[in-house]
Amino acid sequence: MQVKDLTTEELKALIRETVLEAIEAFLDDPNEGKEMRPEVKQQLLESRKRRANGERGIPAEEVAKRFGLTW
């Protein structure tokens, strides 16, 4: 069957299905079900604690400068 043979409703359904597949592929988490390394988890917990205490991280402008990026 070719697209020219589809009814308007069939074409809409095909487009809808294609868009949904694209969105699902985009939103799919490749790390789902994987364990986080303990050291990464610890770093994240420490970062969260510092943030809760009012400490700020490195400004984005500084990070960009370090990597030679224009911000």
PDB file of N, CA and C in Angstrom:
ATOM      1  N   MET A   1       0.846  -1.173   0.000  1.00  0.00           N
ATOM      2  CA  MET A   1       0.000   0.000   0.000  1.00  0.00           C
ATOM      3  C   MET A   1       0.896   1.242   0.000  1.00  0.00           C
ATOM      4  N   GLN A   2       0.500   2.266  -0.692  1.00  0.00           N
ATOM      5  CA  GLN A   2       1.231   3.519  -0.767  1.00  0.00           C
ATOM      6  C   GLN A   2       0.446   4.614  -0.057  1.00  0.00           C
ATOM      7  N   VAL A   3       1.140   5.674   0.285  1.00  0.00           N
ATOM      8  CA  VAL A   3       0.511   6.781   0.992  1.00  0.00           C
ATOM      9  C   VAL A   3      -0.662   7.326   0.187  1.00  0.00           C
ATOM     10  N   LYS A   4      -0.511   7.372  -1.127  1.00  0.00           N
ATOM     11  CA  LYS A   4      -1.585   7.917  -1.971  1.00  0.00           C
ATOM     12  C   LYS A   4      -2.863   7.088  -1.888  1.00  0.00           C
ATOM     13  N   ASP A   5      -2.753   5.856  -1.426  1.00  0.00           N
ATOM     14  CA  ASP A   5      -3.918   4.971  -1.313  1.00  0.00           C
ATOM     15  C   ASP A   5      -4.610   5.063   0.050  1.00  0.00           C
ATOM     16  N   LEU A   6      -4.029   5.798   0.985  1.00  0.00           N
ATOM     17  CA  LEU A   6      -4.602   5.902   2.323  1.00  0.00           C
ATOM     18  C   LEU A   6      -5.741   6.914   2.353  1.00  0.00           C
ATOM     19  N   THR A   7      -6.689   6.651   3.227  1.00  0.00           N
ATOM     20  CA  THR A   7      -7.744   7.632   3.467  1.00  0.00           C
ATOM     21  C   THR A   7      -7.162   8.720   4.363  1.00  0.00           C
ATOM     22  N   THR A   8      -7.870   9.808   4.502  1.00  0.00           N
ATOM     23  CA  THR A   8      -7.417  10.893   5.373  1.00  0.00           C
ATOM     24  C   THR A   8      -7.235  10.393   6.804  1.00  0.00           C
ATOM     25  N   GLU A   9      -8.179   9.605   7.290  1.00  0.00           N
ATOM     26  CA  GLU A   9      -8.087   9.074   8.658  1.00  0.00           C
ATOM     27  C   GLU A   9      -6.915   8.118   8.805  1.00  0.00           C
ATOM     28  N   GLU A  10      -6.664   7.287   7.816  1.00  0.00           N
ATOM     29  CA  GLU A  10      -5.528   6.359   7.870  1.00  0.00           C
ATOM     30  C   GLU A  10      -4.212   7.126   7.867  1.00  0.00           C
ATOM     31  N   LEU A  11      -4.133   8.187   7.061  1.00  0.00           N
ATOM     32  CA  LEU A  11      -2.924   9.000   7.018  1.00  0.00           C
ATOM     33  C   LEU A  11      -2.694   9.689   8.362  1.00  0.00           C
ATOM     34  N   LYS A  12      -3.764  10.227   8.951  1.00  0.00           N
ATOM     35  CA  LYS A  12      -3.647  10.864  10.273  1.00  0.00           C
ATOM     36  C   LYS A  12      -3.170   9.854  11.310  1.00  0.00           C
ATOM     37  N   ALA A  13      -3.698   8.659  11.268  1.00  0.00           N
ATOM     38  CA  ALA A  13      -3.301   7.621  12.219  1.00  0.00           C
ATOM     39  C   ALA A  13      -1.826   7.251  12.028  1.00  0.00           C
ATOM     40  N   LEU A  14      -1.390   7.167  10.787  1.00  0.00           N
ATOM     41  CA  LEU A  14       0.006   6.855  10.491  1.00  0.00           C
ATOM     42  C   LEU A  14       0.925   7.961  11.011  1.00  0.00           C
ATOM     43  N   ILE A  15       0.548   9.202  10.771  1.00  0.00           N
ATOM     44  CA  ILE A  15       1.344  10.331  11.254  1.00  0.00           C
ATOM     45  C   ILE A  15       1.379  10.340  12.772  1.00  0.00           C
ATOM     46  N   ARG A  16       0.236  10.134  13.406  1.00  0.00           N
ATOM     47  CA  ARG A  16       0.152  10.106  14.872  1.00  0.00           C
ATOM     48  C   ARG A  16       1.072   9.024  15.438  1.00  0.00           C
ATOM     49  N   GLU A  17       1.026   7.843  14.854  1.00  0.00           N
ATOM     50  CA  GLU A  17       1.856   6.727  15.317  1.00  0.00           C
ATOM     51  C   GLU A  17       3.336   7.049  15.141  1.00  0.00           C
ATOM     52  N   THR A  18       3.686   7.655  14.020  1.00  0.00           N
ATOM     53  CA  THR A  18       5.079   8.012  13.755  1.00  0.00           C
ATOM     54  C   THR A  18       5.575   9.055  14.738  1.00  0.00           C
ATOM     55  N   VAL A  19       4.765  10.057  15.014  1.00  0.00           N
ATOM     56  CA  VAL A  19       5.152  11.100  15.970  1.00  0.00           C
ATOM     57  C   VAL A  19       5.323  10.498  17.360  1.00  0.00           C
ATOM     58  N   LEU A  20       4.407   9.651  17.779  1.00  0.00           N
ATOM     59  CA  LEU A  20       4.519   9.015  19.097  1.00  0.00           C
ATOM     60  C   LEU A  20       5.784   8.169  19.208  1.00  0.00           C
ATOM     61  N   GLU A  21       6.117   7.435  18.159  1.00  0.00           N
ATOM     62  CA  GLU A  21       7.338   6.633  18.163  1.00  0.00           C
ATOM     63  C   GLU A  21       8.566   7.528  18.286  1.00  0.00           C
ATOM     64  N   ALA A  22       8.561   8.640  17.577  1.00  0.00           N
ATOM     65  CA  ALA A  22       9.695   9.571  17.639  1.00  0.00           C
ATOM     66  C   ALA A  22       9.830  10.163  19.034  1.00  0.00           C
ATOM     67  N   ILE A  23       8.725  10.550  19.634  1.00  0.00           N
ATOM     68  CA  ILE A  23       8.752  11.125  20.987  1.00  0.00           C
ATOM     69  C   ILE A  23       9.240  10.090  21.990  1.00  0.00           C
ATOM     70  N   GLU A  24       8.747   8.868  21.891  1.00  0.00           N
ATOM     71  CA  GLU A  24       9.178   7.815  22.815  1.00  0.00           C
ATOM     72  C   GLU A  24      10.671   7.543  22.683  1.00  0.00           C
ATOM     73  N   ALA A  25      11.174   7.537  21.458  1.00  0.00           N
ATOM     74  CA  ALA A  25      12.605   7.304  21.241  1.00  0.00           C
ATOM     75  C   ALA A  25      13.419   8.445  21.845  1.00  0.00           C
ATOM     76  N   PHE A  26      12.916   9.666  21.720  1.00  0.00           N
ATOM     77  CA  PHE A  26      13.612  10.834  22.252  1.00  0.00           C
ATOM     78  C   PHE A  26      13.620  10.817  23.773  1.00  0.00           C
ATOM     79  N   LEU A  27      12.533  10.402  24.389  1.00  0.00           N
ATOM     80  CA  LEU A  27      12.403  10.433  25.842  1.00  0.00           C
ATOM     81  C   LEU A  27      12.894   9.168  26.535  1.00  0.00           C
ATOM     82  N   ASP A  28      13.248   8.155  25.762  1.00  0.00           N
ATOM     83  CA  ASP A  28      13.697   6.892  26.333  1.00  0.00           C
ATOM     84  C   ASP A  28      14.975   7.108  27.140  1.00  0.00           C
ATOM     85  N   ASP A  29      15.029   6.548  28.328  1.00  0.00           N
ATOM     86  CA  ASP A  29      16.188   6.690  29.205  1.00  0.00           C
ATOM     87  C   ASP A  29      17.106   5.484  29.020  1.00  0.00           C
ATOM     88  N   PRO A  30      18.285   5.693  28.418  1.00  0.00           N
ATOM     89  CA  PRO A  30      19.198   4.567  28.190  1.00  0.00           C
ATOM     90  C   PRO A  30      19.768   3.995  29.481  1.00  0.00           C
ATOM     91  N   ASN A  31      19.634   4.723  30.582  1.00  0.00           N
ATOM     92  CA  ASN A  31      20.167   4.252  31.865  1.00  0.00           C
ATOM     93  C   ASN A  31      19.117   3.615  32.760  1.00  0.00           C
ATOM     94  N   GLU A  32      17.904   3.502  32.246  1.00  0.00           N
ATOM     95  CA  GLU A  32      16.828   2.922  33.049  1.00  0.00           C
ATOM     96  C   GLU A  32      17.183   1.502  33.475  1.00  0.00           C
ATOM     97  N   GLY A  33      17.023   1.244  34.765  1.00  0.00           N
ATOM     98  CA  GLY A  33      17.278  -0.093  35.295  1.00  0.00           C
ATOM     99  C   GLY A  33      18.729  -0.345  35.663  1.00  0.00           C
ATOM    100  N   LYS A  34      19.605   0.611  35.386  1.00  0.00           N
ATOM    101  CA  LYS A  34      21.020   0.439  35.714  1.00  0.00           C
ATOM    102  C   LYS A  34      21.301   1.008  37.096  1.00  0.00           C
ATOM    103  N   GLU A  35      22.292   0.434  37.739  1.00  0.00           N
ATOM    104  CA  GLU A  35      22.696   0.887  39.060  1.00  0.00           C
ATOM    105  C   GLU A  35      23.667   2.057  38.924  1.00  0.00           C
ATOM    106  N   MET A  36      23.552   3.003  39.851  1.00  0.00           N
ATOM    107  CA  MET A  36      24.477   4.119  39.886  1.00  0.00           C
ATOM    108  C   MET A  36      25.702   3.702  40.701  1.00  0.00           C
ATOM    109  N   ARG A  37      26.885   4.055  40.203  1.00  0.00           N
ATOM    110  CA  ARG A  37      28.106   3.733  40.949  1.00  0.00           C
ATOM    111  C   ARG A  37      28.064   4.452  42.297  1.00  0.00           C
ATOM    112  N   PRO A  38      28.514   3.803  43.357  1.00  0.00           N
ATOM    113  CA  PRO A  38      28.456   4.408  44.695  1.00  0.00           C
ATOM    114  C   PRO A  38      29.141   5.766  44.760  1.00  0.00           C
ATOM    115  N   GLU A  39      30.277   5.925  44.089  1.00  0.00           N
ATOM    116  CA  GLU A  39      30.992   7.204  44.159  1.00  0.00           C
ATOM    117  C   GLU A  39      30.214   8.328  43.470  1.00  0.00           C
ATOM    118  N   VAL A  40      29.481   8.008  42.423  1.00  0.00           N
ATOM    119  CA  VAL A  40      28.653   9.012  41.745  1.00  0.00           C
ATOM    120  C   VAL A  40      27.487   9.395  42.646  1.00  0.00           C
ATOM    121  N   LYS A  41      26.876   8.397  43.260  1.00  0.00           N
ATOM    122  CA  LYS A  41      25.770   8.666  44.176  1.00  0.00           C
ATOM    123  C   LYS A  41      26.238   9.547  45.326  1.00  0.00           C
ATOM    124  N   GLN A  42      27.416   9.256  45.871  1.00  0.00           N
ATOM    125  CA  GLN A  42      27.958  10.044  46.984  1.00  0.00           C
ATOM    126  C   GLN A  42      28.217  11.484  46.547  1.00  0.00           C
ATOM    127  N   GLN A  43      28.759  11.672  45.344  1.00  0.00           N
ATOM    128  CA  GLN A  43      29.020  13.028  44.844  1.00  0.00           C
ATOM    129  C   GLN A  43      27.717  13.814  44.697  1.00  0.00           C
ATOM    130  N   LEU A  44      26.692  13.158  44.206  1.00  0.00           N
ATOM    131  CA  LEU A  44      25.406  13.826  44.049  1.00  0.00           C
ATOM    132  C   LEU A  44      24.794  14.195  45.396  1.00  0.00           C
ATOM    133  N   LEU A  45      24.902  13.304  46.359  1.00  0.00           N
ATOM    134  CA  LEU A  45      24.383  13.594  47.692  1.00  0.00           C
ATOM    135  C   LEU A  45      25.130  14.761  48.341  1.00  0.00           C
ATOM    136  N   GLU A  46      26.450  14.787  48.162  1.00  0.00           N
ATOM    137  CA  GLU A  46      27.243  15.890  48.712  1.00  0.00           C
ATOM    138  C   GLU A  46      26.891  17.206  48.031  1.00  0.00           C
ATOM    139  N   SER A  47      26.690  17.153  46.723  1.00  0.00           N
ATOM    140  CA  SER A  47      26.309  18.349  45.973  1.00  0.00           C
ATOM    141  C   SER A  47      24.961  18.878  46.446  1.00  0.00           C
ATOM    142  N   ARG A  48      24.023  17.970  46.659  1.00  0.00           N
ATOM    143  CA  ARG A  48      22.692  18.360  47.145  1.00  0.00           C
ATOM    144  C   ARG A  48      22.786  18.997  48.533  1.00  0.00           C
ATOM    145  N   LYS A  49      23.637  18.419  49.390  1.00  0.00           N
ATOM    146  CA  LYS A  49      23.808  18.952  50.741  1.00  0.00           C
ATOM    147  C   LYS A  49      24.416  20.359  50.691  1.00  0.00           C
ATOM    148  N   ARG A  50      25.449  20.546  49.842  1.00  0.00           N
ATOM    149  CA  ARG A  50      26.061  21.877  49.715  1.00  0.00           C
ATOM    150  C   ARG A  50      25.039  22.890  49.219  1.00  0.00           C
ATOM    151  N   ARG A  51      24.239  22.481  48.262  1.00  0.00           N
ATOM    152  CA  ARG A  51      23.215  23.364  47.689  1.00  0.00           C
ATOM    153  C   ARG A  51      22.177  23.742  48.762  1.00  0.00           C
ATOM    154  N   ALA A  52      21.782  22.758  49.581  1.00  0.00           N
ATOM    155  CA  ALA A  52      20.813  23.009  50.649  1.00  0.00           C
ATOM    156  C   ALA A  52      21.379  23.974  51.688  1.00  0.00           C
ATOM    157  N   ASN A  53      22.713  23.989  51.851  1.00  0.00           N
ATOM    158  CA  ASN A  53      23.374  24.889  52.790  1.00  0.00           C
ATOM    159  C   ASN A  53      23.664  26.249  52.168  1.00  0.00           C
ATOM    160  N   GLY A  54      23.195  26.461  50.952  1.00  0.00           N
ATOM    161  CA  GLY A  54      23.360  27.761  50.313  1.00  0.00           C
ATOM    162  C   GLY A  54      24.610  27.914  49.470  1.00  0.00           C
ATOM    163  N   GLU A  55      25.433  26.879  49.394  1.00  0.00           N
ATOM    164  CA  GLU A  55      26.640  26.966  48.566  1.00  0.00           C
ATOM    165  C   GLU A  55      26.262  26.855  47.094  1.00  0.00           C
ATOM    166  N   ARG A  56      26.978  27.597  46.292  1.00  0.00           N
ATOM    167  CA  ARG A  56      26.720  27.574  44.854  1.00  0.00           C
ATOM    168  C   ARG A  56      27.828  26.804  44.153  1.00  0.00           C
ATOM    169  N   GLY A  57      27.515  26.301  42.983  1.00  0.00           N
ATOM    170  CA  GLY A  57      28.504  25.598  42.172  1.00  0.00           C
ATOM    171  C   GLY A  57      29.319  26.576  41.349  1.00  0.00           C
ATOM    172  N   ILE A  58      29.986  26.065  40.343  1.00  0.00           N
ATOM    173  CA  ILE A  58      30.793  26.892  39.459  1.00  0.00           C
ATOM    174  C   ILE A  58      29.858  27.585  38.469  1.00  0.00           C
ATOM    175  N   PRO A  59      29.979  28.891  38.317  1.00  0.00           N
ATOM    176  CA  PRO A  59      29.122  29.598  37.363  1.00  0.00           C
ATOM    177  C   PRO A  59      29.322  29.064  35.943  1.00  0.00           C
ATOM    178  N   ALA A  60      28.244  29.020  35.178  1.00  0.00           N
ATOM    179  CA  ALA A  60      28.293  28.491  33.818  1.00  0.00           C
ATOM    180  C   ALA A  60      29.314  29.244  32.970  1.00  0.00           C
ATOM    181  N   GLU A  61      29.436  30.547  33.188  1.00  0.00           N
ATOM    182  CA  GLU A  61      30.396  31.343  32.424  1.00  0.00           C
ATOM    183  C   GLU A  61      31.825  30.855  32.651  1.00  0.00           C
ATOM    184  N   GLU A  62      32.134  30.493  33.904  1.00  0.00           N
ATOM    185  CA  GLU A  62      33.468  29.999  34.226  1.00  0.00           C
ATOM    186  C   GLU A  62      33.724  28.642  33.578  1.00  0.00           C
ATOM    187  N   VAL A  63      32.728  27.782  33.614  1.00  0.00           N
ATOM    188  CA  VAL A  63      32.863  26.468  32.977  1.00  0.00           C
ATOM    189  C   VAL A  63      33.100  26.645  31.478  1.00  0.00           C
ATOM    190  N   ALA A  64      32.327  27.532  30.860  1.00  0.00           N
ATOM    191  CA  ALA A  64      32.486  27.796  29.431  1.00  0.00           C
ATOM    192  C   ALA A  64      33.892  28.296  29.140  1.00  0.00           C
ATOM    193  N   LYS A  65      34.382  29.204  29.967  1.00  0.00           N
ATOM    194  CA  LYS A  65      35.727  29.761  29.778  1.00  0.00           C
ATOM    195  C   LYS A  65      36.776  28.666  29.870  1.00  0.00           C
ATOM    196  N   ARG A  66      36.638  27.771  30.859  1.00  0.00           N
ATOM    197  CA  ARG A  66      37.602  26.669  31.049  1.00  0.00           C
ATOM    198  C   ARG A  66      37.699  25.778  29.817  1.00  0.00           C
ATOM    199  N   PHE A  67      36.570  25.600  29.143  1.00  0.00           N
ATOM    200  CA  PHE A  67      36.533  24.727  27.970  1.00  0.00           C
ATOM    201  C   PHE A  67      36.636  25.491  26.661  1.00  0.00           C
ATOM    202  N   GLY A  68      36.919  26.783  26.755  1.00  0.00           N
ATOM    203  CA  GLY A  68      37.093  27.583  25.555  1.00  0.00           C
ATOM    204  C   GLY A  68      35.814  27.824  24.778  1.00  0.00           C
ATOM    205  N   LEU A  69      34.699  27.846  25.490  1.00  0.00           N
ATOM    206  CA  LEU A  69      33.406  28.052  24.840  1.00  0.00           C
ATOM    207  C   LEU A  69      32.972  29.489  24.995  1.00  0.00           C
ATOM    208  N   THR A  70      32.226  29.966  24.038  1.00  0.00           N
ATOM    209  CA  THR A  70      31.668  31.304  24.116  1.00  0.00           C
ATOM    210  C   THR A  70      30.313  31.223  24.786  1.00  0.00           C
ATOM    211  N   TRP A  71      30.124  32.015  25.824  1.00  0.00           N
ATOM    212  CA  TRP A  71      28.873  31.947  26.572  1.00  0.00           C
ATOM    213  C   TRP A  71      28.035  33.142  26.290  1.00  0.00           C
TER     214      TRP A  71
END
